[in-house]
Protein backbone atom coordinates (compact mmCIF):
# COMPACT_ATOMS: atom_id res chain seq x y z
CA MET A 1 93.02 103.52 92.55
CA LEU A 2 94.08 100.07 91.34
CA ILE A 3 92.02 98.01 88.92
CA THR A 4 92.95 94.42 88.16
CA GLY A 5 91.98 93.19 84.71
CA GLY A 6 91.85 96.76 83.43
CA THR A 7 92.84 96.00 79.85
CA GLY A 8 89.45 95.02 78.48
CA GLY A 9 85.75 94.59 79.09
CA LEU A 10 84.33 95.82 82.38
CA GLY A 11 87.78 96.59 83.80
CA LEU A 12 88.65 98.90 80.91
CA GLU A 13 85.28 100.65 81.06
CA THR A 14 85.58 101.05 84.83
CA ALA A 15 89.01 102.62 84.37
CA ARG A 16 87.63 104.91 81.65
CA SER A 17 84.77 106.11 83.86
CA LEU A 18 86.89 106.66 86.94
CA ARG A 19 89.63 108.42 84.97
CA ALA A 20 87.03 110.94 83.81
CA THR A 21 86.44 111.90 87.46
CA GLY A 22 90.09 112.92 87.80
CA ALA A 23 91.19 109.89 89.78
CA LYS A 24 94.69 108.61 89.11
CA ILE A 25 94.29 105.07 87.83
CA PHE A 26 96.62 102.09 87.91
CA ILE A 27 95.57 99.06 85.89
CA THR A 28 97.17 95.66 85.86
CA ALA A 29 97.96 93.61 82.81
CA ARG A 30 99.48 90.18 82.29
CA SER A 31 101.72 91.54 79.56
CA GLU A 32 103.43 94.83 78.85
CA GLU A 33 101.88 94.84 75.38
CA LYS A 34 98.32 94.65 76.71
CA GLY A 35 99.04 97.23 79.39
CA LYS A 36 100.52 99.76 76.98
CA ALA A 37 97.62 99.28 74.56
CA ALA A 38 95.05 99.85 77.33
CA VAL A 39 96.86 102.96 78.60
CA GLU A 40 96.94 104.33 75.07
CA THR A 41 93.24 103.64 74.61
CA LEU A 42 92.34 105.26 77.92
CA SER A 43 94.62 108.26 77.45
CA SER A 44 93.22 109.07 74.02
CA GLY A 45 89.71 109.43 75.43
CA GLY A 46 89.62 113.13 76.29
CA LYS A 47 90.40 114.80 79.57
CA GLY A 48 91.19 112.89 82.71
CA ALA A 49 93.89 111.92 85.14
CA ALA A 50 96.97 109.87 84.39
CA VAL A 51 96.72 106.14 83.79
CA GLU A 52 99.57 103.76 84.53
CA PHE A 53 99.88 100.03 84.28
CA ILE A 54 101.71 97.41 86.26
CA VAL A 55 102.44 93.94 84.97
CA MET A 56 100.66 91.37 87.14
CA ASP A 57 99.54 87.82 86.50
CA LEU A 58 97.01 86.82 89.15
CA ALA A 59 97.87 83.15 88.55
CA SER A 60 101.36 83.75 89.94
CA LEU A 61 101.86 84.71 93.59
CA LYS A 62 105.38 85.87 92.69
CA SER A 63 103.92 88.22 90.07
CA VAL A 64 101.31 89.54 92.52
CA ARG A 65 104.00 90.26 95.13
CA SER A 66 106.15 91.99 92.53
CA ALA A 67 103.20 94.09 91.35
CA ALA A 68 102.36 95.08 94.93
CA ALA A 69 105.95 96.20 95.50
CA GLU A 70 105.89 98.17 92.23
CA PHE A 71 102.63 99.86 93.21
CA LYS A 72 104.11 100.86 96.57
CA LYS A 73 107.05 102.45 94.75
CA ARG A 74 104.77 104.50 92.50
CA SER A 75 102.06 105.52 94.95
CA ASP A 76 101.94 106.40 98.61
CA ARG A 77 98.29 105.44 99.03
CA LEU A 78 95.59 103.09 97.81
CA ASP A 79 92.11 104.56 98.08
CA PHE A 80 90.26 101.87 96.12
CA LEU A 81 91.07 98.40 94.86
CA ILE A 82 88.76 97.04 92.20
CA THR A 83 89.34 93.34 91.70
CA ASN A 84 87.96 92.71 88.27
CA ALA A 85 88.22 89.22 86.79
CA GLY A 86 90.22 89.09 83.59
CA LYS A 87 90.62 86.55 80.84
């Protein structure tokens, strides 16, 4: 499962809820700092599956392509894509 804008607001809460179901979650973040902070927040919230982040800036097609390639390296399937708007 891949959630864009998963570092805050609705994206973070969506990731938190889906993680609790046991789904492996990938979130995107524009910066490594934001991504690591969100993963730490999500991982400290009790039981659930692993959470990983991938740096991706939706304003940059180059960044989107790079993030897609990184996702393909880390996962062999994409069951759900949640395109959440981020700030």
